């Protein structure tokens, strides 16, 4: 009888009943463990930003690269880029702030805040109240969703809904909302664990004619 129940569960949902019954804590724990095991990653994404105050919606695509311990690169099709080269964190956002690039000294905290996966998966049960938010098939992949609400004020978001892949425990989609009401919807369209990434992939060269704003000193040059 147990075997029959198990098979019926698979037939109806595509997942064993045990998988469907996962707790929110179990889901976030396995996602955090899987992310911690990655030495590097490459993900393609599609992002939609909605500003409810203006009614404007903007959609763009991009690629995020990450390599332990402190290398990060996010390239948007708009030309915007965020890069952590191991010593310096660069923000080049010509779509919204043309003619300048912001430079900060690298620290683990400030670089990791721009990595969405790390925002969600760094000590998640210590930082968030975690609850289940259902399941969904995303692009042919079975996922479970969880809701994360920061236990302390968080400048990055006030709440987030994150879909975790049932097979490889990667993040496949997330929605978040900031304190000013801005909503971000991100779909991971491609994910590659542990690709070979050269250090050159994370270097940033200041474009000609662009001013550099050193946020640590407040100096522009």
N, C-alpha and C. Protein backbone atom coordinates (compact mmCIF):
# COMPACT_ATOMS: atom_id res chain seq x y z
N UNK A 1 0.83 -1.21 0.00
CA UNK A 1 0.00 0.00 0.00
C UNK A 1 0.87 1.26 0.00
N UNK A 2 1.95 1.27 0.79
CA UNK A 2 2.83 2.43 0.81
C UNK A 2 3.43 2.70 -0.56
N UNK A 3 3.82 1.60 -1.25
CA UNK A 3 4.41 1.78 -2.59
C UNK A 3 3.37 2.35 -3.55
N UNK A 4 2.13 1.86 -3.46
CA UNK A 4 1.07 2.35 -4.34
C UNK A 4 0.83 3.84 -4.09
N UNK A 5 0.77 4.23 -2.82
CA UNK A 5 0.56 5.65 -2.48
C UNK A 5 1.69 6.50 -3.04
N UNK A 6 2.90 6.01 -2.95
CA UNK A 6 4.08 6.72 -3.47
C UNK A 6 3.96 6.93 -4.97
N UNK A 7 3.57 5.88 -5.70
CA UNK A 7 3.47 5.96 -7.16
C UNK A 7 2.33 6.89 -7.58
N UNK A 8 1.23 6.85 -6.84
CA UNK A 8 0.11 7.75 -7.14
C UNK A 8 0.55 9.19 -6.95
N UNK A 9 1.32 9.45 -5.90
CA UNK A 9 1.82 10.80 -5.66
C UNK A 9 2.65 11.30 -6.82
N UNK A 10 3.50 10.45 -7.36
CA UNK A 10 4.32 10.83 -8.51
C UNK A 10 3.45 11.09 -9.72
N UNK A 11 2.47 10.21 -9.96
CA UNK A 11 1.62 10.34 -11.14
C UNK A 11 0.83 11.64 -11.13
N UNK A 12 0.37 12.06 -9.96
CA UNK A 12 -0.47 13.25 -9.88
C UNK A 12 0.32 14.55 -9.88
N UNK A 13 1.52 14.53 -9.35
CA UNK A 13 2.25 15.78 -9.16
C UNK A 13 3.60 15.83 -9.84
N UNK A 14 4.11 14.70 -10.29
CA UNK A 14 5.45 14.68 -10.84
C UNK A 14 6.50 14.58 -9.76
N UNK A 15 6.09 14.55 -8.50
CA UNK A 15 7.02 14.48 -7.37
C UNK A 15 6.55 13.44 -6.37
N UNK A 16 7.48 12.76 -5.71
CA UNK A 16 7.08 11.90 -4.59
C UNK A 16 6.39 12.74 -3.53
N UNK A 17 5.47 12.12 -2.78
CA UNK A 17 4.77 12.83 -1.72
C UNK A 17 5.74 13.40 -0.72
N UNK A 18 6.81 12.66 -0.42
CA UNK A 18 7.80 13.16 0.55
C UNK A 18 8.40 14.47 0.10
N UNK A 19 8.64 14.61 -1.22
CA UNK A 19 9.21 15.85 -1.75
C UNK A 19 8.22 16.99 -1.62
N UNK A 20 6.90 16.67 -1.86
CA UNK A 20 5.90 17.72 -1.77
C UNK A 20 5.70 18.20 -0.34
N UNK A 21 6.05 17.34 0.62
CA UNK A 21 5.79 17.67 2.01
C UNK A 21 6.95 18.39 2.70
N UNK A 22 7.94 18.79 1.92
CA UNK A 22 9.09 19.46 2.51
C UNK A 22 8.66 20.71 3.28
N UNK A 23 9.29 20.93 4.42
CA UNK A 23 9.02 22.13 5.19
C UNK A 23 9.80 23.30 4.59
N UNK A 24 9.38 24.51 4.93
CA UNK A 24 10.09 25.69 4.45
C UNK A 24 11.54 25.69 4.93
N UNK A 25 11.75 25.28 6.20
CA UNK A 25 13.11 25.23 6.73
C UNK A 25 13.98 24.25 5.95
N UNK A 26 13.41 23.09 5.62
CA UNK A 26 14.17 22.10 4.87
C UNK A 26 14.52 22.60 3.48
N UNK A 27 13.61 23.31 2.85
CA UNK A 27 13.85 23.83 1.50
C UNK A 27 14.97 24.86 1.51
N UNK A 28 14.91 25.82 2.45
CA UNK A 28 15.94 26.85 2.48
C UNK A 28 17.27 26.28 2.92
N UNK A 29 17.26 25.27 3.80
CA UNK A 29 18.51 24.67 4.26
C UNK A 29 19.24 23.97 3.11
N UNK A 30 18.49 23.22 2.29
CA UNK A 30 19.16 22.52 1.20
C UNK A 30 19.63 23.49 0.12
N UNK A 31 18.89 24.58 -0.08
CA UNK A 31 19.32 25.59 -1.05
C UNK A 31 20.61 26.27 -0.58
N UNK A 32 20.66 26.62 0.71
CA UNK A 32 21.85 27.26 1.26
C UNK A 32 23.04 26.32 1.19
N UNK A 33 22.84 25.04 1.48
CA UNK A 33 23.93 24.07 1.43
C UNK A 33 24.44 23.88 0.01
N UNK A 34 23.52 23.83 -0.96
CA UNK A 34 23.92 23.66 -2.36
C UNK A 34 24.70 24.87 -2.84
N UNK A 35 24.27 26.07 -2.44
CA UNK A 35 24.97 27.28 -2.86
C UNK A 35 26.36 27.35 -2.23
N UNK A 36 26.48 26.93 -0.98
CA UNK A 36 27.77 26.95 -0.30
C UNK A 36 28.77 26.00 -0.96
N UNK A 37 28.27 24.95 -1.58
CA UNK A 37 29.16 23.97 -2.23
C UNK A 37 29.68 24.46 -3.58
N UNK A 38 29.06 25.47 -4.15
CA UNK A 38 29.48 25.95 -5.46
C UNK A 38 30.81 26.70 -5.37
N UNK A 39 31.75 26.35 -6.22
CA UNK A 39 32.98 27.13 -6.33
C UNK A 39 32.82 28.26 -7.32
N UNK A 40 31.94 28.06 -8.30
CA UNK A 40 31.65 29.10 -9.29
C UNK A 40 30.27 28.83 -9.87
N UNK A 41 29.72 29.84 -10.55
CA UNK A 41 28.43 29.67 -11.19
C UNK A 41 28.27 30.67 -12.32
N UNK A 42 27.42 30.31 -13.27
CA UNK A 42 27.03 31.22 -14.35
C UNK A 42 25.53 31.10 -14.52
N UNK A 43 24.83 32.22 -14.52
CA UNK A 43 23.37 32.19 -14.68
C UNK A 43 22.95 33.30 -15.63
N UNK A 44 22.04 32.98 -16.53
CA UNK A 44 21.39 33.98 -17.38
C UNK A 44 20.03 34.28 -16.75
N UNK A 45 19.62 35.53 -16.83
CA UNK A 45 18.39 35.92 -16.16
C UNK A 45 17.62 36.95 -16.97
N UNK A 46 16.34 37.07 -16.64
CA UNK A 46 15.48 38.11 -17.18
C UNK A 46 14.85 38.83 -15.99
N UNK A 47 14.99 40.13 -15.94
CA UNK A 47 14.53 40.91 -14.80
C UNK A 47 13.49 41.94 -15.22
N UNK A 48 12.41 42.04 -14.43
CA UNK A 48 11.39 43.06 -14.65
C UNK A 48 11.27 43.88 -13.38
N UNK A 49 11.46 45.20 -13.53
CA UNK A 49 11.32 46.13 -12.41
C UNK A 49 10.03 46.93 -12.60
N UNK A 50 9.24 47.02 -11.54
CA UNK A 50 7.99 47.76 -11.59
C UNK A 50 7.98 48.80 -10.48
N UNK A 51 7.74 50.05 -10.87
CA UNK A 51 7.65 51.14 -9.90
C UNK A 51 6.17 51.52 -9.78
N UNK A 52 5.51 51.15 -8.68
CA UNK A 52 4.08 51.42 -8.55
C UNK A 52 3.76 52.90 -8.44
N UNK A 53 4.74 53.72 -8.06
CA UNK A 53 4.49 55.16 -7.93
C UNK A 53 4.36 55.82 -9.29
N UNK A 54 5.15 55.35 -10.25
CA UNK A 54 5.12 55.94 -11.59
C UNK A 54 4.35 55.08 -12.58
N UNK A 55 4.16 53.81 -12.22
CA UNK A 55 3.50 52.89 -13.14
C UNK A 55 4.42 52.37 -14.21
N UNK A 56 5.72 52.70 -14.12
CA UNK A 56 6.68 52.28 -15.13
C UNK A 56 7.16 50.85 -14.88
N UNK A 57 7.33 50.12 -15.97
CA UNK A 57 7.87 48.76 -15.91
C UNK A 57 9.03 48.65 -16.89
N UNK A 58 10.12 48.07 -16.45
CA UNK A 58 11.31 47.94 -17.28
C UNK A 58 11.80 46.50 -17.23
N UNK A 59 12.02 45.91 -18.40
CA UNK A 59 12.50 44.53 -18.47
C UNK A 59 13.85 44.49 -19.17
N UNK A 60 14.77 43.74 -18.59
CA UNK A 60 16.09 43.59 -19.19
C UNK A 60 16.59 42.18 -18.91
N UNK A 61 17.63 41.79 -19.62
CA UNK A 61 18.24 40.47 -19.42
C UNK A 61 19.71 40.65 -19.10
N UNK A 62 20.33 39.60 -18.61
CA UNK A 62 21.74 39.70 -18.29
C UNK A 62 22.34 38.37 -17.89
N UNK A 63 23.61 38.46 -17.49
CA UNK A 63 24.37 37.27 -17.08
C UNK A 63 25.09 37.59 -15.78
N UNK A 64 25.03 36.67 -14.83
CA UNK A 64 25.76 36.83 -13.58
C UNK A 64 26.80 35.71 -13.46
N UNK A 65 28.02 36.11 -13.11
CA UNK A 65 29.11 35.17 -12.87
C UNK A 65 29.57 35.33 -11.43
N UNK A 66 29.91 34.23 -10.78
CA UNK A 66 30.44 34.30 -9.43
C UNK A 66 31.49 33.23 -9.26
N UNK A 67 32.63 33.61 -8.61
CA UNK A 67 33.67 32.64 -8.30
C UNK A 67 34.21 32.91 -6.91
N UNK A 68 34.29 31.87 -6.11
CA UNK A 68 34.82 32.02 -4.76
C UNK A 68 36.27 32.47 -4.80
N UNK A 69 36.71 33.26 -3.79
CA UNK A 69 35.90 33.67 -2.64
C UNK A 69 35.22 35.02 -2.81
N UNK A 70 35.67 35.84 -3.79
CA UNK A 70 35.20 37.24 -3.79
C UNK A 70 35.13 37.87 -5.17
N UNK A 71 34.78 37.07 -6.18
CA UNK A 71 34.69 37.60 -7.54
C UNK A 71 33.24 37.53 -8.01
N UNK A 72 32.75 38.65 -8.57
CA UNK A 72 31.37 38.73 -9.02
C UNK A 72 31.28 39.64 -10.23
N UNK A 73 30.46 39.28 -11.20
CA UNK A 73 30.22 40.12 -12.37
C UNK A 73 28.77 39.97 -12.79
N UNK A 74 28.06 41.11 -12.92
CA UNK A 74 26.70 41.10 -13.43
C UNK A 74 26.66 42.03 -14.63
N UNK A 75 26.39 41.48 -15.80
CA UNK A 75 26.32 42.24 -17.05
C UNK A 75 24.89 42.28 -17.55
N UNK A 76 24.36 43.49 -17.73
CA UNK A 76 23.01 43.67 -18.26
C UNK A 76 23.09 44.02 -19.74
N UNK A 77 22.07 43.60 -20.50
CA UNK A 77 22.03 43.92 -21.92
C UNK A 77 21.94 45.42 -22.16
N UNK A 78 21.51 46.17 -21.15
CA UNK A 78 21.42 47.63 -21.25
C UNK A 78 22.78 48.31 -21.23
N UNK A 79 23.83 47.54 -20.87
CA UNK A 79 25.16 48.12 -20.74
C UNK A 79 25.56 48.36 -19.30
N UNK A 80 24.61 48.24 -18.38
CA UNK A 80 24.93 48.38 -16.96
C UNK A 80 25.80 47.20 -16.52
N UNK A 81 26.66 47.47 -15.53
CA UNK A 81 27.50 46.39 -15.03
C UNK A 81 27.85 46.61 -13.57
N UNK A 82 27.88 45.51 -12.82
CA UNK A 82 28.38 45.49 -11.45
C UNK A 82 29.50 44.46 -11.43
N UNK A 83 30.65 44.84 -10.86
CA UNK A 83 31.79 43.92 -10.84
C UNK A 83 32.54 44.02 -9.52
N UNK A 84 32.87 42.87 -8.95
CA UNK A 84 33.75 42.79 -7.79
C UNK A 84 34.98 42.01 -8.23
N UNK A 85 36.13 42.69 -8.29
CA UNK A 85 37.33 42.07 -8.84
C UNK A 85 38.27 41.50 -7.78
N UNK A 86 37.80 41.47 -6.54
CA UNK A 86 38.61 40.93 -5.46
C UNK A 86 39.14 42.00 -4.53
N UNK A 87 39.31 43.21 -5.04
CA UNK A 87 39.77 44.33 -4.20
C UNK A 87 38.84 45.52 -4.26
N UNK A 88 38.10 45.65 -5.38
CA UNK A 88 37.25 46.82 -5.60
C UNK A 88 35.89 46.38 -6.13
N UNK A 89 34.85 47.09 -5.69
CA UNK A 89 33.50 46.87 -6.19
C UNK A 89 33.11 48.05 -7.06
N UNK A 90 32.70 47.76 -8.29
CA UNK A 90 32.37 48.80 -9.28
C UNK A 90 30.90 48.75 -9.62
N UNK A 91 30.27 49.94 -9.72
CA UNK A 91 28.89 50.08 -10.19
C UNK A 91 28.89 51.02 -11.39
N UNK A 92 28.65 50.48 -12.57
CA UNK A 92 28.58 51.28 -13.79
C UNK A 92 27.17 51.13 -14.34
N UNK A 93 26.36 52.20 -14.22
CA UNK A 93 24.94 52.14 -14.56
C UNK A 93 24.58 53.26 -15.53
N UNK A 94 25.07 53.18 -16.77
CA UNK A 94 24.80 54.25 -17.74
C UNK A 94 23.34 54.43 -18.09
N UNK A 95 22.51 53.40 -17.86
CA UNK A 95 21.09 53.53 -18.19
C UNK A 95 20.38 54.49 -17.25
N UNK A 96 20.90 54.65 -16.02
CA UNK A 96 20.25 55.53 -15.05
C UNK A 96 21.17 56.65 -14.57
N UNK A 97 22.48 56.43 -14.59
CA UNK A 97 23.45 57.44 -14.13
C UNK A 97 24.58 57.54 -15.14
N UNK A 98 24.31 58.11 -16.30
CA UNK A 98 25.33 58.16 -17.36
C UNK A 98 26.52 59.02 -16.97
N UNK A 99 27.68 58.65 -17.50
CA UNK A 99 28.87 59.47 -17.33
C UNK A 99 29.64 59.26 -16.06
N UNK A 100 29.24 58.25 -15.25
CA UNK A 100 29.98 58.03 -14.02
C UNK A 100 30.01 56.55 -13.65
N UNK A 101 31.00 56.19 -12.87
CA UNK A 101 31.09 54.86 -12.30
C UNK A 101 31.42 55.03 -10.81
N UNK A 102 30.77 54.25 -9.96
CA UNK A 102 31.01 54.33 -8.52
C UNK A 102 31.98 53.23 -8.12
N UNK A 103 32.97 53.60 -7.33
CA UNK A 103 33.99 52.66 -6.88
C UNK A 103 33.98 52.58 -5.35
N UNK A 104 33.98 51.37 -4.82
CA UNK A 104 34.03 51.15 -3.38
C UNK A 104 35.14 50.14 -3.08
N UNK A 105 35.78 50.27 -1.92
CA UNK A 105 36.71 49.22 -1.50
C UNK A 105 35.94 47.92 -1.32
N UNK A 106 36.54 46.83 -1.73
CA UNK A 106 35.85 45.55 -1.59
C UNK A 106 35.82 45.11 -0.13
N UNK A 107 34.68 44.64 0.29
CA UNK A 107 34.57 43.90 1.54
C UNK A 107 33.56 42.80 1.28
N UNK A 108 33.66 41.73 2.04
CA UNK A 108 32.74 40.62 1.82
C UNK A 108 31.30 41.05 1.89
N UNK A 109 30.99 41.95 2.83
CA UNK A 109 29.60 42.36 3.02
C UNK A 109 29.05 43.14 1.83
N UNK A 110 29.80 44.17 1.38
CA UNK A 110 29.20 45.02 0.35
C UNK A 110 29.15 44.34 -1.01
N UNK A 111 30.08 43.47 -1.31
CA UNK A 111 30.01 42.76 -2.59
C UNK A 111 28.90 41.72 -2.58
N UNK A 112 28.75 41.05 -1.46
CA UNK A 112 27.74 40.00 -1.40
C UNK A 112 26.32 40.54 -1.43
N UNK A 113 26.12 41.80 -1.04
CA UNK A 113 24.76 42.34 -1.07
C UNK A 113 24.22 42.50 -2.48
N UNK A 114 25.10 42.54 -3.49
CA UNK A 114 24.62 42.66 -4.86
C UNK A 114 24.43 41.30 -5.53
N UNK A 115 24.79 40.24 -4.84
CA UNK A 115 24.58 38.89 -5.35
C UNK A 115 23.26 38.38 -4.80
N UNK A 116 22.22 38.28 -5.64
CA UNK A 116 20.90 37.91 -5.13
C UNK A 116 20.90 36.59 -4.37
N UNK A 117 21.58 35.58 -4.91
CA UNK A 117 21.57 34.28 -4.24
C UNK A 117 22.17 34.38 -2.85
N UNK A 118 23.25 35.13 -2.72
CA UNK A 118 23.88 35.27 -1.41
C UNK A 118 22.97 36.05 -0.45
N UNK A 119 22.26 37.03 -0.97
CA UNK A 119 21.32 37.79 -0.13
C UNK A 119 20.32 36.86 0.53
N UNK A 120 19.85 35.87 -0.22
CA UNK A 120 18.82 34.97 0.29
C UNK A 120 19.40 33.81 1.11
N UNK A 121 20.61 33.35 0.74
CA UNK A 121 21.10 32.06 1.24
C UNK A 121 22.23 32.14 2.25
N UNK A 122 22.65 33.34 2.63
CA UNK A 122 23.66 33.49 3.67
C UNK A 122 22.97 33.49 5.03
N UNK A 123 23.13 32.39 5.78
CA UNK A 123 22.50 32.24 7.11
C UNK A 123 21.03 32.62 7.07
N UNK A 124 20.25 32.02 6.18
CA UNK A 124 18.87 32.49 5.96
C UNK A 124 17.95 32.36 7.17
N UNK A 125 18.07 31.27 7.92
CA UNK A 125 17.13 31.10 9.03
C UNK A 125 17.46 32.00 10.22
N UNK A 126 18.70 32.49 10.24
CA UNK A 126 19.07 33.48 11.26
C UNK A 126 18.53 34.85 10.91
N UNK A 127 18.51 35.16 9.61
CA UNK A 127 18.18 36.50 9.15
C UNK A 127 16.72 36.69 8.77
N UNK A 128 16.02 35.60 8.44
CA UNK A 128 14.66 35.71 7.91
C UNK A 128 13.67 34.84 8.67
N UNK A 129 12.42 35.28 8.64
CA UNK A 129 11.31 34.39 8.98
C UNK A 129 10.93 33.69 7.68
N UNK A 130 10.98 32.36 7.69
CA UNK A 130 10.81 31.57 6.47
C UNK A 130 9.49 30.83 6.52
N UNK A 131 8.73 30.91 5.42
CA UNK A 131 7.46 30.18 5.36
C UNK A 131 7.26 29.60 3.97
N UNK A 132 6.46 28.55 3.89
CA UNK A 132 6.19 27.91 2.60
C UNK A 132 5.26 28.77 1.76
N UNK A 133 5.44 28.69 0.42
CA UNK A 133 4.62 29.49 -0.49
C UNK A 133 4.17 28.68 -1.70
N UNK A 134 4.01 27.37 -1.52
CA UNK A 134 3.48 26.55 -2.59
C UNK A 134 4.54 25.95 -3.49
N UNK A 135 4.12 25.42 -4.61
CA UNK A 135 5.01 24.80 -5.58
C UNK A 135 4.58 25.20 -6.98
N UNK A 136 5.50 25.01 -7.94
CA UNK A 136 5.19 25.39 -9.32
C UNK A 136 6.15 24.69 -10.26
N UNK A 137 5.70 24.52 -11.48
CA UNK A 137 6.55 24.02 -12.56
C UNK A 137 7.05 25.23 -13.33
N UNK A 138 8.34 25.44 -13.33
CA UNK A 138 8.93 26.59 -14.02
C UNK A 138 9.84 26.11 -15.15
N UNK A 139 9.40 26.32 -16.37
CA UNK A 139 10.21 25.90 -17.51
C UNK A 139 10.48 24.41 -17.53
N UNK A 140 9.52 23.63 -17.04
CA UNK A 140 9.68 22.19 -17.03
C UNK A 140 10.42 21.66 -15.82
N UNK A 141 10.72 22.54 -14.85
CA UNK A 141 11.44 22.12 -13.64
C UNK A 141 10.52 22.29 -12.43
N UNK A 142 10.44 21.25 -11.62
CA UNK A 142 9.62 21.30 -10.42
C UNK A 142 10.32 22.14 -9.36
N UNK A 143 9.57 23.05 -8.73
CA UNK A 143 10.13 23.92 -7.70
C UNK A 143 9.19 24.04 -6.52
N UNK A 144 9.75 24.42 -5.39
CA UNK A 144 8.99 24.82 -4.22
C UNK A 144 9.34 26.26 -3.89
N UNK A 145 8.33 27.03 -3.50
CA UNK A 145 8.54 28.44 -3.18
C UNK A 145 8.53 28.66 -1.67
N UNK A 146 9.33 29.62 -1.25
CA UNK A 146 9.36 30.03 0.14
C UNK A 146 9.29 31.55 0.20
N UNK A 147 8.74 32.06 1.29
CA UNK A 147 8.70 33.50 1.52
C UNK A 147 9.70 33.85 2.61
N UNK A 148 10.50 34.90 2.36
CA UNK A 148 11.50 35.36 3.31
C UNK A 148 11.15 36.78 3.76
N UNK A 149 11.01 36.96 5.06
CA UNK A 149 10.75 38.28 5.62
C UNK A 149 11.89 38.60 6.59
N UNK A 150 12.65 39.66 6.34
CA UNK A 150 13.78 39.98 7.21
C UNK A 150 13.35 40.18 8.67
N UNK A 151 14.14 39.63 9.58
CA UNK A 151 13.86 39.81 11.00
C UNK A 151 14.27 41.20 11.48
N UNK A 152 15.21 41.82 10.72
CA UNK A 152 15.63 43.18 11.01
C UNK A 152 15.47 44.00 9.74
N UNK A 153 15.35 45.32 9.85
CA UNK A 153 15.22 46.16 8.65
C UNK A 153 16.30 45.84 7.63
N UNK A 154 15.89 45.72 6.39
CA UNK A 154 16.77 45.29 5.32
C UNK A 154 16.62 46.26 4.16
N UNK A 155 17.70 46.94 3.78
CA UNK A 155 17.63 47.92 2.70
C UNK A 155 17.40 47.27 1.34
N UNK A 156 17.73 45.98 1.23
CA UNK A 156 17.60 45.30 -0.06
C UNK A 156 16.14 44.94 -0.38
N UNK A 157 15.38 44.48 0.63
CA UNK A 157 13.98 44.12 0.39
C UNK A 157 13.24 43.97 1.71
N UNK A 158 11.92 44.14 1.62
CA UNK A 158 11.08 43.96 2.80
C UNK A 158 10.48 42.57 2.84
N UNK A 159 10.34 41.95 1.69
CA UNK A 159 9.90 40.56 1.60
C UNK A 159 10.33 40.00 0.25
N UNK A 160 10.50 38.69 0.22
CA UNK A 160 10.91 38.04 -1.03
C UNK A 160 10.24 36.67 -1.12
N UNK A 161 9.88 36.30 -2.33
CA UNK A 161 9.36 34.96 -2.60
C UNK A 161 10.35 34.31 -3.56
N UNK A 162 10.87 33.15 -3.15
CA UNK A 162 11.96 32.51 -3.88
C UNK A 162 11.57 31.09 -4.24
N UNK A 163 11.73 30.73 -5.51
CA UNK A 163 11.42 29.38 -5.98
C UNK A 163 12.71 28.56 -6.06
N UNK A 164 12.75 27.43 -5.34
CA UNK A 164 13.93 26.57 -5.27
C UNK A 164 13.70 25.30 -6.08
N UNK A 165 14.66 24.98 -6.93
CA UNK A 165 14.58 23.79 -7.77
C UNK A 165 14.58 22.52 -6.92
N UNK A 166 13.63 21.62 -7.17
CA UNK A 166 13.56 20.37 -6.40
C UNK A 166 14.72 19.44 -6.71
N UNK A 167 15.33 19.58 -7.88
CA UNK A 167 16.38 18.65 -8.28
C UNK A 167 17.76 19.11 -7.82
N UNK A 168 18.18 20.33 -8.19
CA UNK A 168 19.54 20.76 -7.87
C UNK A 168 19.61 21.83 -6.78
N UNK A 169 18.46 22.22 -6.25
CA UNK A 169 18.36 23.19 -5.14
C UNK A 169 18.83 24.59 -5.51
N UNK A 170 18.88 24.89 -6.80
CA UNK A 170 19.25 26.24 -7.23
C UNK A 170 18.02 27.14 -7.22
N UNK A 171 18.26 28.44 -7.20
CA UNK A 171 17.17 29.42 -7.30
C UNK A 171 16.75 29.53 -8.76
N UNK A 172 15.46 29.39 -9.02
CA UNK A 172 14.97 29.45 -10.40
C UNK A 172 14.16 30.71 -10.69
N UNK A 173 13.69 31.37 -9.64
CA UNK A 173 12.90 32.59 -9.83
C UNK A 173 12.76 33.25 -8.47
N UNK A 174 12.66 34.58 -8.48
CA UNK A 174 12.33 35.25 -7.23
C UNK A 174 11.62 36.57 -7.49
N UNK A 175 10.79 36.95 -6.52
CA UNK A 175 10.10 38.24 -6.50
C UNK A 175 10.48 38.92 -5.19
N UNK A 176 10.77 40.20 -5.26
CA UNK A 176 11.02 40.92 -4.02
C UNK A 176 10.46 42.33 -4.12
N UNK A 177 10.23 42.91 -2.95
CA UNK A 177 9.71 44.27 -2.87
C UNK A 177 10.56 45.06 -1.89
N UNK A 178 10.91 46.30 -2.26
CA UNK A 178 11.72 47.14 -1.40
C UNK A 178 10.83 48.04 -0.55
N UNK A 179 11.45 48.75 0.38
CA UNK A 179 10.69 49.61 1.29
C UNK A 179 9.96 50.73 0.55
N UNK A 180 10.49 51.17 -0.59
CA UNK A 180 9.83 52.24 -1.35
C UNK A 180 8.82 51.70 -2.36
N UNK A 181 8.56 50.39 -2.31
CA UNK A 181 7.53 49.80 -3.15
C UNK A 181 7.99 49.24 -4.48
N UNK A 182 9.27 49.43 -4.82
CA UNK A 182 9.79 48.90 -6.08
C UNK A 182 9.72 47.38 -6.05
N UNK A 183 9.20 46.79 -7.12
CA UNK A 183 9.07 45.34 -7.20
C UNK A 183 10.00 44.79 -8.28
N UNK A 184 10.68 43.72 -7.94
CA UNK A 184 11.62 43.09 -8.88
C UNK A 184 11.21 41.63 -9.08
N UNK A 185 11.06 41.25 -10.34
CA UNK A 185 10.73 39.87 -10.71
C UNK A 185 11.87 39.34 -11.57
N UNK A 186 12.52 38.27 -11.12
CA UNK A 186 13.68 37.73 -11.82
C UNK A 186 13.46 36.25 -12.12
N UNK A 187 13.66 35.89 -13.38
CA UNK A 187 13.58 34.50 -13.82
C UNK A 187 14.97 34.06 -14.26
N UNK A 188 15.44 32.95 -13.71
CA UNK A 188 16.72 32.38 -14.14
C UNK A 188 16.44 31.52 -15.36
N UNK A 189 16.95 31.93 -16.51
CA UNK A 189 16.66 31.21 -17.75
C UNK A 189 17.70 30.15 -18.06
N UNK A 190 18.87 30.23 -17.41
CA UNK A 190 19.92 29.24 -17.61
C UNK A 190 20.83 29.25 -16.39
N UNK A 191 21.21 28.07 -15.91
CA UNK A 191 22.09 27.99 -14.74
C UNK A 191 23.15 26.92 -14.96
N UNK A 192 24.42 27.30 -14.77
CA UNK A 192 25.53 26.36 -14.92
C UNK A 192 26.36 26.34 -13.64
N UNK A 193 26.41 25.22 -12.93
CA UNK A 193 27.22 25.15 -11.71
C UNK A 193 28.68 24.85 -12.03
N UNK A 194 29.57 25.51 -11.30
CA UNK A 194 31.01 25.26 -11.36
C UNK A 194 31.64 25.31 -12.75
N UNK A 195 31.33 26.34 -13.55
CA UNK A 195 32.04 26.49 -14.83
C UNK A 195 33.46 27.01 -14.56
N UNK A 196 34.34 26.85 -15.54
CA UNK A 196 35.69 27.41 -15.45
C UNK A 196 35.61 28.89 -15.81
N UNK A 197 35.93 29.76 -14.87
CA UNK A 197 35.85 31.21 -15.09
C UNK A 197 37.21 31.84 -14.80
N UNK A 198 37.74 32.56 -15.77
CA UNK A 198 39.03 33.22 -15.57
C UNK A 198 38.84 34.49 -14.76
N UNK A 199 39.91 34.92 -14.10
CA UNK A 199 39.84 36.14 -13.31
C UNK A 199 39.54 37.34 -14.21
N UNK A 200 39.93 37.26 -15.47
CA UNK A 200 39.69 38.37 -16.40
C UNK A 200 38.20 38.64 -16.58
N UNK A 201 37.36 37.65 -16.35
CA UNK A 201 35.92 37.82 -16.50
C UNK A 201 35.34 38.80 -15.49
N UNK A 202 36.11 39.10 -14.44
CA UNK A 202 35.62 39.94 -13.36
C UNK A 202 36.31 41.31 -13.31
N UNK A 203 37.20 41.57 -14.24
CA UNK A 203 37.89 42.85 -14.27
C UNK A 203 36.98 43.93 -14.85
N UNK A 204 37.17 45.15 -14.39
CA UNK A 204 36.39 46.28 -14.91
C UNK A 204 37.34 47.36 -15.39
N UNK A 205 37.14 47.82 -16.62
CA UNK A 205 37.93 48.92 -17.18
C UNK A 205 37.02 50.14 -17.31
N UNK A 206 37.45 51.25 -16.73
CA UNK A 206 36.64 52.47 -16.78
C UNK A 206 36.56 52.97 -18.21
N UNK A 207 35.36 53.13 -18.76
CA UNK A 207 35.22 53.62 -20.13
C UNK A 207 35.80 55.04 -20.27
N UNK A 208 36.27 55.33 -21.44
CA UNK A 208 36.85 56.64 -21.71
C UNK A 208 35.81 57.74 -21.51
N UNK A 209 36.22 58.80 -20.82
CA UNK A 209 35.34 59.94 -20.59
C UNK A 209 34.38 59.80 -19.43
N UNK A 210 34.44 58.67 -18.73
CA UNK A 210 33.54 58.43 -17.60
C UNK A 210 34.23 58.84 -16.30
N UNK A 211 33.52 59.58 -15.45
CA UNK A 211 34.07 60.01 -14.18
C UNK A 211 33.96 58.87 -13.15
N UNK A 212 35.00 58.79 -12.32
CA UNK A 212 35.01 57.78 -11.26
C UNK A 212 34.67 58.47 -9.94
N UNK A 213 33.63 58.00 -9.27
CA UNK A 213 33.25 58.53 -7.96
C UNK A 213 33.71 57.51 -6.91
N UNK A 214 34.70 57.93 -6.10
CA UNK A 214 35.19 57.08 -5.03
C UNK A 214 34.30 57.28 -3.82
N UNK A 215 33.43 56.32 -3.57
CA UNK A 215 32.42 56.51 -2.53
C UNK A 215 33.05 56.53 -1.13
N UNK A 216 34.19 55.88 -0.97
CA UNK A 216 34.82 55.86 0.33
C UNK A 216 35.37 57.23 0.72
N UNK A 217 35.92 57.95 -0.27
CA UNK A 217 36.52 59.26 0.02
C UNK A 217 35.64 60.42 -0.39
N UNK A 218 34.65 60.15 -1.26
CA UNK A 218 33.80 61.22 -1.77
C UNK A 218 34.44 62.02 -2.88
N UNK A 219 35.58 61.55 -3.38
CA UNK A 219 36.31 62.26 -4.42
C UNK A 219 35.88 61.78 -5.79
N UNK A 220 35.69 62.71 -6.72
CA UNK A 220 35.39 62.40 -8.12
C UNK A 220 36.58 62.76 -8.97
N UNK A 221 36.96 61.85 -9.87
CA UNK A 221 38.11 62.18 -10.75
C UNK A 221 37.91 61.54 -12.12
